[in-house]
Amino acid sequence: MTGQHSTVPSAWQRTQAFWGLPDLTGKGRFVSANLIDSLGNGLVSAFTVVFFVKTTSLSLVAVGTALTVGQLLALPVPLLVGRLLDLCGPRTVIAAGNWVSVVGFIGFLFSHSAWQIALWQFVVQLGATAFWMGNNPLIVLISRGVERARWFGLARALRNVGVGVGAAASAVALSIGSAGWLRGIMVINAVTFAVAGWLVITFRNVDASKPAGGGPVEPKPAGTRRAAGETVARAPGGSVLKDTKYLRLVAASISFAFASTVLKVLLAVYVVDNLGIGSGIVGVLVVLNTGMVAVLQTLAGRWIEYRRPGAVLVLALLLNATAFIVFGTLLLVPRWAVIAGLLIAVVLYTMAEILSSPPISGLSVVMAPEHLQGRYLGVYNLSWSVGGAFAPALLTALLAGGAVLPWVFLAGISVLSVPLVFGLGRQPAGLAEVTPAGEVAQGERLADGHPPNARPVLGGGEEKASSGTPPGSATPQ
């Protein structure tokens, strides 16, 4: 009788497999930091207006204007954070982002005028951008092969849970009405972000499943290898603006950025003023969206990991276009069918959100040249910032011009973005991936911002993505 170890999976392993969760072994600090930031940023996004209305003498309009100014001042921040990613690496940038947010939250406690609110809102936004911009490259470093989509799915699910909890906390804060309680919540938020920064900066397990040790690595090729499996000549100066393939991804991301504002900007006004339905259904639709993402995002990651990223993005864009067409046609259907139509449209819209997040996040990292990855991510994230900043004004202006116009616009840019993403991504991330010995130590150096001696190449034709610096050289959405 030969001694054999049981290969029967444990209950937790079966749960992980069913829900599409990545292997969390040794990643507790990273997951905890993501949870803290998701809850904290969700709380801030929904809670900040209430906080300043209750703790200052400023009007609601003045508070809203000051917060908007702070957001607008932060628009160029992704370009700065991108350079820091190239210089310092994602782990350092993420931790610094958390600690910058702590400074901003403390500033909130002592803000009494509009200019102070705008200043500290800018600081908080700077910290949040640094965290989320560094998070994607770090996920690529810690993910094991095909689990990359699962990690991005988990991060997205946590963000959506954070938004939901933040909205609920905001409602509770309104009912409490005590400035002391509100200040206490802000202090707790600052403390948890400080802890999150410590968790990330002390997190060393880039990939616990792969043994450390020296191993052969290939020298850096003259060209830049992509997730699409192509080797292309590096543009003079390495400028992302000369990289047409990456710019296709950036342009398509603007469509997703506009789509992401629909629930916050359009839905309530459209449902109440144009469809004549009570505002109560809006809350139901938002809860439906939040719940679907929280429950289904990791399951979708399990499905996405074996599909081509470009094909998944095409499907997401077509689902978005269909959802916007349904929203627009509700103006023509009988009143009794409107609620059913809204539910169908939100389900389609949410499925597009769920499917698009892992592949577009992954491609934004792995399509960038290693030594310029941070700057590439800066341009990518800038597209989301600009889209999010201008979408409210444009969509509400279109709505004022005609109830169907914003839906025609959104459906149109979704369809027009299909050719942009078609063909992006050679194969599912990590499929047939073979990792050379010593890659973990390499990943550790990259995550800390230390330059590698050479760049390892994965067996599937896709190079290891990182935010390290090139040999010899010196943040969501």
Protein backbone atom coordinates (compact mmCIF):
# COMPACT_ATOMS: atom_id res chain seq x y z
CA MET A 1 0.00 0.00 0.00
CA THR A 2 1.48 3.27 -1.03
CA GLY A 3 0.97 6.28 1.18
CA GLN A 4 -1.03 8.87 -0.64
CA HIS A 5 -2.17 12.23 0.59
CA SER A 6 -5.86 12.98 0.29
CA THR A 7 -6.68 15.31 -2.58
CA VAL A 8 -10.24 15.94 -1.40
CA PRO A 9 -10.71 19.73 -1.27
CA SER A 10 -11.68 21.31 2.02
CA ALA A 11 -15.00 23.07 2.54
CA TRP A 12 -13.27 26.44 2.17
CA GLN A 13 -11.58 25.36 -1.07
CA ARG A 14 -14.94 24.24 -2.45
CA THR A 15 -16.43 27.59 -1.45
CA GLN A 16 -13.58 29.44 -3.15
CA ALA A 17 -14.02 27.41 -6.32
CA PHE A 18 -17.80 27.91 -6.41
CA TRP A 19 -17.72 31.67 -5.86
CA GLY A 20 -14.73 32.29 -8.13
CA LEU A 21 -12.55 33.60 -5.30
CA PRO A 22 -8.77 33.69 -5.75
CA ASP A 23 -6.41 31.84 -3.44
CA LEU A 24 -6.18 34.15 -0.43
CA THR A 25 -3.35 32.26 1.27
CA GLY A 26 -0.77 34.73 2.52
CA LYS A 27 -2.71 37.67 1.07
CA GLY A 28 -4.67 38.63 4.20
CA ARG A 29 -2.99 42.02 4.60
CA PHE A 30 -3.62 42.98 1.00
CA VAL A 31 -7.28 41.90 1.14
CA SER A 32 -7.79 43.70 4.46
CA ALA A 33 -6.31 46.91 3.05
CA ASN A 34 -8.63 46.67 0.04
CA LEU A 35 -11.62 46.14 2.32
CA ILE A 36 -10.70 49.15 4.47
CA ASP A 37 -10.21 51.40 1.44
CA SER A 38 -13.41 50.20 -0.22
CA LEU A 39 -15.50 50.85 2.88
CA GLY A 40 -13.69 54.11 3.66
CA ASN A 41 -13.93 55.55 0.17
CA GLY A 42 -17.55 54.43 -0.11
CA LEU A 43 -18.29 56.15 3.17
CA VAL A 44 -16.52 59.35 2.13
CA SER A 45 -18.25 59.55 -1.26
CA ALA A 46 -21.71 59.36 0.32
CA PHE A 47 -21.00 60.85 3.75
CA THR A 48 -18.89 63.96 3.06
CA VAL A 49 -21.74 66.26 2.03
CA VAL A 50 -23.74 65.32 5.13
CA PHE A 51 -20.65 65.78 7.31
CA PHE A 52 -19.99 69.36 6.21
CA VAL A 53 -23.65 70.39 6.21
CA LYS A 54 -23.90 69.24 9.83
CA THR A 55 -20.51 70.46 11.10
CA THR A 56 -20.22 73.85 9.36
CA SER A 57 -22.47 76.85 8.81
CA LEU A 58 -22.17 76.55 5.02
CA SER A 59 -25.20 75.91 2.83
CA LEU A 60 -25.70 72.70 0.89
CA VAL A 61 -24.88 74.51 -2.36
CA ALA A 62 -21.66 75.97 -0.93
CA VAL A 63 -20.54 72.57 0.35
CA GLY A 64 -21.31 70.90 -2.97
CA THR A 65 -19.45 73.59 -4.90
CA ALA A 66 -16.38 73.34 -2.67
CA LEU A 67 -16.25 69.55 -3.02
CA THR A 68 -16.61 69.86 -6.80
CA VAL A 69 -13.72 72.34 -6.94
CA GLY A 70 -11.57 69.90 -4.97
CA GLN A 71 -12.44 67.12 -7.41
CA LEU A 72 -11.63 69.30 -10.43
CA LEU A 73 -8.28 70.31 -8.95
CA ALA A 74 -7.45 66.60 -8.72
CA LEU A 75 -8.09 65.89 -12.42
CA PRO A 76 -4.36 65.95 -13.42
CA VAL A 77 -3.38 63.84 -10.39
CA PRO A 78 -3.25 60.50 -12.30
CA LEU A 79 -0.37 61.80 -14.42
CA LEU A 80 1.64 62.65 -11.29
CA VAL A 81 0.81 59.36 -9.59
CA GLY A 82 1.82 57.49 -12.74
CA ARG A 83 5.33 58.92 -12.55
CA LEU A 84 5.52 57.99 -8.87
CA LEU A 85 4.51 54.43 -9.75
CA ASP A 86 7.43 54.20 -12.17
CA LEU A 87 9.77 55.65 -9.56
CA CYS A 88 8.62 53.93 -6.35
CA GLY A 89 6.51 50.90 -7.28
CA PRO A 90 2.87 50.13 -6.43
CA ARG A 91 3.27 49.03 -2.80
CA THR A 92 4.87 52.31 -1.74
CA VAL A 93 2.38 54.38 -3.75
CA ILE A 94 -0.61 52.55 -2.25
CA ALA A 95 0.63 52.98 1.32
CA ALA A 96 1.45 56.65 0.71
CA GLY A 97 -2.01 57.13 -0.79
CA ASN A 98 -3.62 55.80 2.37
CA TRP A 99 -1.55 58.07 4.58
CA VAL A 100 -2.26 61.10 2.39
CA SER A 101 -5.96 60.31 2.79
CA VAL A 102 -5.46 60.28 6.57
CA VAL A 103 -4.10 63.84 6.36
CA GLY A 104 -7.14 64.83 4.30
CA PHE A 105 -9.60 63.32 6.78
CA ILE A 106 -7.90 65.14 9.65
CA GLY A 107 -8.14 68.33 7.60
CA PHE A 108 -11.89 67.72 7.21
CA LEU A 109 -12.24 67.85 11.01
CA PHE A 110 -10.87 71.40 11.10
CA SER A 111 -12.56 72.77 7.97
CA HIS A 112 -15.05 75.60 8.43
CA SER A 113 -14.88 77.52 5.14
CA ALA A 114 -15.37 76.61 1.50
CA TRP A 115 -11.70 76.97 0.53
CA GLN A 116 -10.65 74.62 3.33
CA ILE A 117 -13.16 72.01 2.19
CA ALA A 118 -11.91 72.29 -1.40
CA LEU A 119 -8.28 71.95 -0.27
CA TRP A 120 -8.80 68.86 1.86
CA GLN A 121 -11.10 67.27 -0.70
CA PHE A 122 -8.24 67.61 -3.18
CA VAL A 123 -5.89 65.91 -0.69
CA VAL A 124 -8.33 63.05 -0.07
CA GLN A 125 -8.82 62.60 -3.82
CA LEU A 126 -5.05 62.54 -4.29
CA GLY A 127 -4.78 59.72 -1.76
CA ALA A 128 -7.67 57.74 -3.26
CA THR A 129 -6.22 58.05 -6.77
CA ALA A 130 -2.82 56.84 -5.57
CA PHE A 131 -4.39 53.81 -3.90
CA TRP A 132 -6.50 52.67 -6.83
CA MET A 133 -3.81 53.36 -9.43
CA GLY A 134 -1.31 51.29 -7.47
CA ASN A 135 -3.81 48.56 -6.73
CA ASN A 136 -4.09 47.24 -10.28
CA PRO A 137 -0.33 46.69 -10.83
CA LEU A 138 -0.04 45.07 -7.41
CA ILE A 139 -2.93 42.72 -8.23
CA VAL A 140 -1.08 41.67 -11.39
CA LEU A 141 2.01 40.96 -9.27
CA ILE A 142 0.25 38.87 -6.64
CA SER A 143 -2.18 37.00 -8.89
CA ARG A 144 -1.45 33.40 -9.75
CA GLY A 145 -1.90 32.76 -13.46
CA VAL A 146 -5.58 32.47 -14.37
CA GLU A 147 -6.55 34.00 -11.00
CA ARG A 148 -5.87 37.52 -12.25
CA ALA A 149 -9.52 37.97 -13.33
CA ARG A 150 -10.64 36.62 -9.94
CA TRP A 151 -8.49 39.14 -8.08
CA PHE A 152 -9.82 42.04 -10.13
CA GLY A 153 -13.33 40.70 -9.60
CA LEU A 154 -12.82 40.53 -5.84
CA ALA A 155 -11.44 44.09 -5.74
CA ARG A 156 -14.43 45.34 -7.72
CA ALA A 157 -16.90 43.50 -5.50
CA LEU A 158 -15.31 45.02 -2.40
CA ARG A 159 -15.55 48.51 -3.93
CA ASN A 160 -19.25 48.06 -4.61
CA VAL A 161 -19.88 46.77 -1.10
CA GLY A 162 -18.08 49.88 0.15
CA VAL A 163 -20.35 52.16 -1.87
CA GLY A 164 -23.44 50.40 -0.51
CA VAL A 165 -22.25 50.57 3.09
CA GLY A 166 -21.27 54.21 2.59
CA ALA A 167 -24.73 55.10 1.32
CA ALA A 168 -26.33 53.33 4.28
CA ALA A 169 -23.98 55.07 6.72
CA SER A 170 -24.85 58.41 5.14
CA ALA A 171 -28.54 57.77 5.70
CA VAL A 172 -27.88 56.82 9.34
CA ALA A 173 -25.74 59.95 9.79
CA LEU A 174 -28.60 62.11 8.55
CA SER A 175 -30.93 60.56 11.11
CA ILE A 176 -28.44 61.00 13.97
CA GLY A 177 -27.79 64.67 13.27
CA SER A 178 -25.10 64.98 15.96
CA ALA A 179 -21.89 66.76 14.92
CA GLY A 180 -19.97 64.88 17.60
CA TRP A 181 -20.97 61.50 16.21
CA LEU A 182 -20.08 62.59 12.69
CA ARG A 183 -16.64 63.76 13.78
CA GLY A 184 -16.14 60.46 15.57
CA ILE A 185 -16.90 58.55 12.36
CA MET A 186 -14.37 60.68 10.48
CA VAL A 187 -11.71 59.97 13.14
CA ILE A 188 -12.38 56.23 12.88
CA ASN A 189 -12.05 56.48 9.10
CA ALA A 190 -8.67 58.21 9.45
CA VAL A 191 -7.39 55.55 11.87
CA THR A 192 -8.47 52.67 9.62
CA PHE A 193 -6.76 54.24 6.61
CA ALA A 194 -3.55 54.60 8.61
CA VAL A 195 -3.79 50.88 9.44
CA ALA A 196 -4.45 50.06 5.77
CA GLY A 197 -1.26 51.86 4.77
CA TRP A 198 0.70 49.82 7.30
CA LEU A 199 -0.88 46.57 6.03
CA VAL A 200 0.21 47.29 2.47
CA ILE A 201 3.73 48.51 3.22
CA THR A 202 4.39 45.40 5.35
CA PHE A 203 2.82 43.01 2.82
CA ARG A 204 5.63 40.98 1.25
CA ASN A 205 3.90 37.92 -0.18
CA VAL A 206 3.74 38.70 -3.89
CA ASP A 207 3.03 35.05 -4.66
CA ALA A 208 3.28 32.51 -1.88
CA SER A 209 2.71 29.59 -4.26
CA LYS A 210 5.96 30.05 -6.19
CA PRO A 211 9.33 29.21 -4.69
CA ALA A 212 11.94 31.88 -4.38
CA GLY A 213 15.43 31.32 -5.58
CA GLY A 214 17.69 32.12 -8.43
CA GLY A 215 16.69 31.02 -11.89
CA PRO A 216 17.37 31.83 -15.49
CA VAL A 217 15.69 34.87 -16.88
CA GLU A 218 15.72 36.25 -20.37
CA PRO A 219 17.23 39.63 -21.20
CA LYS A 220 14.93 42.50 -21.99
CA PRO A 221 14.03 42.46 -25.71
CA ALA A 222 14.41 45.48 -27.93
CA GLY A 223 10.68 45.76 -28.39
CA THR A 224 7.91 45.83 -25.85
CA ARG A 225 5.92 42.62 -25.39
CA ARG A 226 2.17 43.01 -24.89
CA ALA A 227 -0.72 41.10 -23.44
CA ALA A 228 -1.79 40.78 -27.06
CA GLY A 229 1.32 38.72 -27.70
CA GLU A 230 2.88 41.18 -30.09
CA THR A 231 6.33 42.73 -30.04
CA VAL A 232 6.16 46.30 -31.23
CA ALA A 233 8.81 48.93 -31.69
CA ARG A 234 8.96 51.32 -28.79
CA ALA A 235 7.77 54.77 -29.78
CA PRO A 236 10.38 57.53 -29.65
CA GLY A 237 10.44 58.79 -26.12
CA GLY A 238 8.18 55.92 -25.08
CA SER A 239 5.16 58.22 -25.22
CA VAL A 240 1.78 56.64 -24.60
CA LEU A 241 0.35 59.19 -27.02
CA LYS A 242 2.21 57.40 -29.83
CA ASP A 243 1.04 53.95 -28.77
CA THR A 244 -2.09 53.45 -30.87
CA LYS A 245 -2.97 50.08 -29.36
CA TYR A 246 -3.00 51.41 -25.83
CA LEU A 247 -4.85 54.55 -26.94
CA ARG A 248 -7.62 52.31 -28.26
CA LEU A 249 -8.05 50.98 -24.74
CA VAL A 250 -7.96 54.51 -23.30
CA ALA A 251 -10.58 55.74 -25.78
CA ALA A 252 -12.86 52.79 -25.05
CA SER A 253 -12.52 53.42 -21.32
CA ILE A 254 -14.16 56.83 -21.79
CA SER A 255 -17.31 55.01 -22.90
CA PHE A 256 -17.25 52.94 -19.72
CA ALA A 257 -16.54 56.09 -17.66
CA PHE A 258 -19.65 57.79 -19.04
CA ALA A 259 -21.69 54.64 -18.48
CA SER A 260 -20.54 54.42 -14.86
CA THR A 261 -22.26 57.74 -14.05
CA VAL A 262 -25.74 56.71 -15.20
CA LEU A 263 -27.09 55.62 -11.82
CA LYS A 264 -25.71 58.69 -10.03
CA VAL A 265 -26.49 61.34 -12.63
CA LEU A 266 -29.37 60.30 -14.88
CA LEU A 267 -31.50 57.63 -13.31
CA ALA A 268 -33.40 59.53 -10.61
CA VAL A 269 -34.19 62.57 -12.78
CA TYR A 270 -35.19 60.44 -15.76
CA VAL A 271 -37.41 58.10 -13.76
CA VAL A 272 -39.23 60.82 -11.81
CA ASP A 273 -39.44 63.69 -14.30
CA ASN A 274 -39.64 61.90 -17.64
CA LEU A 275 -41.23 58.55 -16.85
CA GLY A 276 -43.47 59.84 -14.07
CA ILE A 277 -42.62 57.02 -11.66
CA GLY A 278 -42.19 57.51 -7.92
CA SER A 279 -38.68 58.02 -6.58
CA GLY A 280 -38.92 54.86 -4.47
CA ILE A 281 -38.12 52.66 -7.47
CA VAL A 282 -34.78 54.46 -7.88
CA GLY A 283 -33.57 53.13 -4.54
CA VAL A 284 -34.66 49.63 -5.52
CA LEU A 285 -32.70 49.85 -8.78
CA VAL A 286 -29.55 51.11 -7.04
CA VAL A 287 -29.76 48.29 -4.47
CA LEU A 288 -30.26 45.80 -7.31
CA ASN A 289 -27.12 47.06 -9.04
CA THR A 290 -25.03 47.05 -5.86
CA GLY A 291 -26.24 43.61 -4.83
CA MET A 292 -25.62 42.04 -8.23
CA VAL A 293 -22.04 43.32 -8.35
CA ALA A 294 -21.32 42.22 -4.78
CA VAL A 295 -22.69 38.71 -5.36
CA LEU A 296 -21.86 38.00 -9.00
CA GLN A 297 -18.55 39.80 -9.62
CA THR A 298 -16.29 36.99 -8.43
CA LEU A 299 -18.45 34.37 -10.17
CA ALA A 300 -18.04 36.34 -13.38
CA GLY A 301 -14.28 36.41 -12.81
CA ARG A 302 -14.28 32.61 -12.86
CA TRP A 303 -15.97 32.72 -16.28
CA ILE A 304 -13.87 35.60 -17.65
CA GLU A 305 -10.50 34.02 -16.86
CA TYR A 306 -10.74 31.61 -19.83
CA ARG A 307 -12.00 34.19 -22.35
CA ARG A 308 -10.15 36.71 -24.47
CA PRO A 309 -10.25 40.12 -22.74
CA GLY A 310 -11.16 41.92 -25.95
CA ALA A 311 -14.09 39.59 -26.60
CA VAL A 312 -15.40 40.10 -23.06
CA LEU A 313 -15.18 43.88 -23.47
CA VAL A 314 -17.10 43.66 -26.77
CA LEU A 315 -19.85 41.75 -24.97
CA ALA A 316 -19.90 44.34 -22.16
CA LEU A 317 -20.19 47.23 -24.63
CA LEU A 318 -23.05 45.55 -26.47
CA LEU A 319 -24.84 44.88 -23.17
CA ASN A 320 -24.41 48.55 -22.25
CA ALA A 321 -25.78 49.65 -25.63
CA THR A 322 -28.77 47.33 -25.23
CA ALA A 323 -29.44 48.63 -21.71
CA PHE A 324 -29.38 52.25 -22.89
CA ILE A 325 -31.73 51.43 -25.77
CA VAL A 326 -34.15 49.85 -23.29
CA PHE A 327 -33.92 52.92 -21.03
CA GLY A 328 -34.72 55.19 -23.98
CA THR A 329 -37.63 53.15 -25.32
CA LEU A 330 -39.40 53.22 -21.95
CA LEU A 331 -40.77 56.61 -23.03
CA LEU A 332 -42.92 54.74 -25.55
CA VAL A 333 -44.25 51.82 -23.51
CA PRO A 334 -47.41 51.71 -21.35
CA ARG A 335 -47.00 52.84 -17.77
CA TRP A 336 -47.57 49.33 -16.40
CA ALA A 337 -44.53 48.08 -18.36
CA VAL A 338 -42.14 50.82 -17.29
CA ILE A 339 -41.07 49.26 -13.99
CA ALA A 340 -40.40 45.90 -15.63
CA GLY A 341 -38.42 47.70 -18.33
CA LEU A 342 -36.36 49.56 -15.73
CA LEU A 343 -35.49 46.30 -13.99
CA ILE A 344 -34.45 44.71 -17.29
CA ALA A 345 -32.34 47.73 -18.24
CA VAL A 346 -30.55 47.82 -14.88
CA VAL A 347 -29.83 44.08 -15.01
CA LEU A 348 -28.27 44.46 -18.49
CA TYR A 349 -26.36 47.55 -17.37
CA THR A 350 -25.04 45.77 -14.28
CA MET A 351 -23.97 42.70 -16.25
CA ALA A 352 -21.97 45.01 -18.52
CA GLU A 353 -20.35 46.57 -15.45
CA ILE A 354 -19.51 43.15 -14.00
CA LEU A 355 -18.02 41.82 -17.24
CA SER A 356 -15.99 44.91 -18.13
CA SER A 357 -14.16 45.53 -14.86
CA PRO A 358 -11.65 42.61 -14.72
CA PRO A 359 -10.48 42.67 -18.36
CA ILE A 360 -10.16 46.43 -18.73
CA SER A 361 -8.32 46.73 -15.40
CA GLY A 362 -5.95 43.92 -16.34
CA LEU A 363 -5.27 45.18 -19.85
CA SER A 364 -4.51 48.68 -18.57
CA VAL A 365 -1.56 47.16 -16.70
CA VAL A 366 -0.24 44.36 -18.92
CA MET A 367 -0.43 46.32 -22.20
CA ALA A 368 1.94 48.99 -20.87
CA PRO A 369 5.73 48.82 -21.36
CA GLU A 370 7.31 47.80 -18.08
CA HIS A 371 9.54 50.84 -17.61
CA LEU A 372 6.71 53.29 -18.43
CA GLN A 373 3.83 51.42 -16.88
CA GLY A 374 3.00 54.09 -14.32
CA ARG A 375 2.83 56.82 -16.95
CA TYR A 376 0.61 54.67 -19.12
CA LEU A 377 -1.68 54.06 -16.16
CA GLY A 378 -1.70 57.81 -15.54
CA VAL A 379 -3.16 58.43 -19.00
CA TYR A 380 -5.60 55.54 -18.60
CA ASN A 381 -6.86 56.80 -15.25
CA LEU A 382 -7.01 60.36 -16.55
CA SER A 383 -9.56 59.18 -19.12
CA TRP A 384 -11.77 57.96 -16.28
CA SER A 385 -11.30 61.18 -14.31
CA VAL A 386 -12.14 63.38 -17.28
CA GLY A 387 -15.09 61.21 -18.26
CA GLY A 388 -16.44 61.26 -14.73
CA ALA A 389 -15.98 65.02 -14.46
CA PHE A 390 -17.68 65.97 -17.72
CA ALA A 391 -20.38 63.29 -17.84
CA PRO A 392 -22.78 65.02 -15.40
CA ALA A 393 -22.78 68.30 -17.34
CA LEU A 394 -23.06 66.66 -20.76
CA LEU A 395 -25.68 64.05 -19.85
CA THR A 396 -27.92 66.48 -17.99
CA ALA A 397 -27.64 68.98 -20.88
CA LEU A 398 -28.70 66.25 -23.30
CA LEU A 399 -31.57 65.30 -20.99
CA ALA A 400 -32.74 68.91 -20.95
CA GLY A 401 -32.72 68.87 -24.75
CA GLY A 402 -34.83 65.73 -24.97
CA ALA A 403 -35.44 62.75 -22.70
CA VAL A 404 -34.16 60.24 -25.26
CA LEU A 405 -30.96 62.11 -26.21
CA PRO A 406 -28.64 60.92 -23.40
CA TRP A 407 -29.60 57.30 -24.09
CA VAL A 408 -28.93 57.71 -27.80
CA PHE A 409 -25.54 59.24 -26.99
CA LEU A 410 -24.59 56.51 -24.51
CA ALA A 411 -25.72 53.70 -26.80
CA GLY A 412 -23.86 55.31 -29.69
CA ILE A 413 -20.49 55.64 -27.95
CA SER A 414 -20.83 52.07 -26.66
CA VAL A 415 -21.30 50.71 -30.17
CA LEU A 416 -18.55 52.92 -31.59
CA SER A 417 -16.15 51.59 -28.94
CA VAL A 418 -16.56 47.97 -30.07
CA PRO A 419 -13.94 48.19 -32.85
CA LEU A 420 -11.53 49.81 -30.39
CA VAL A 421 -11.44 46.83 -28.02
CA PHE A 422 -11.85 44.10 -30.60
CA GLY A 423 -8.73 41.93 -30.60
CA LEU A 424 -7.18 43.36 -27.42
CA GLY A 425 -5.66 40.53 -25.41
CA ARG A 426 -4.10 37.47 -27.02
CA GLN A 427 -5.47 34.96 -24.53
CA PRO A 428 -7.01 34.78 -21.08
CA ALA A 429 -4.59 36.21 -18.54
CA GLY A 430 -2.26 33.52 -17.28
CA LEU A 431 -3.57 30.66 -19.46
CA ALA A 432 -0.73 28.18 -19.98
CA GLU A 433 1.39 30.48 -17.87
CA VAL A 434 4.75 29.09 -16.75
CA THR A 435 6.71 31.00 -14.16
CA PRO A 436 10.50 30.77 -14.00
CA ALA A 437 12.12 30.20 -10.66
CA GLY A 438 13.03 33.41 -8.93
CA GLU A 439 10.05 35.34 -10.24
CA VAL A 440 8.74 35.87 -6.74
CA ALA A 441 11.91 37.60 -5.63
CA GLN A 442 11.77 39.63 -8.83
CA GLY A 443 8.17 40.55 -8.10
CA GLU A 444 9.05 41.61 -4.59
CA ARG A 445 11.69 44.01 -5.93
CA LEU A 446 9.28 45.39 -8.49
CA ALA A 447 6.52 45.88 -5.93
CA ASP A 448 8.94 47.84 -3.80
CA GLY A 449 10.07 49.98 -6.71
CA HIS A 450 13.55 48.41 -7.01
CA PRO A 451 14.73 47.83 -10.57
CA PRO A 452 15.10 44.23 -11.75
CA ASN A 453 18.29 42.93 -13.34
CA ALA A 454 16.30 41.41 -16.17
CA ARG A 455 12.70 40.95 -17.12
CA PRO A 456 11.23 37.43 -16.88
CA VAL A 457 8.95 36.26 -19.65
CA LEU A 458 5.91 34.14 -18.92
CA GLY A 459 5.45 30.98 -20.90
CA GLY A 460 2.14 32.05 -22.36
CA GLY A 461 3.73 34.81 -24.40
CA GLU A 462 2.74 37.49 -21.92
CA GLU A 463 5.39 39.29 -19.94
CA LYS A 464 5.25 39.91 -16.27
CA ALA A 465 3.62 43.29 -15.68
CA SER A 466 5.09 45.46 -13.02
CA SER A 467 5.54 49.00 -11.90
CA GLY A 468 9.25 48.79 -11.32
CA THR A 469 11.85 51.02 -12.88
CA PRO A 470 14.16 50.04 -15.74
CA PRO A 471 17.74 49.04 -15.04
CA GLY A 472 19.91 52.02 -14.32
CA SER A 473 17.07 54.51 -13.88
CA ALA A 474 16.13 56.21 -10.88
CA THR A 475 -3.20 55.92 -8.27
CA PRO A 476 -8.86 54.69 -7.75
CA GLN A 477 -10.36 54.98 -10.57
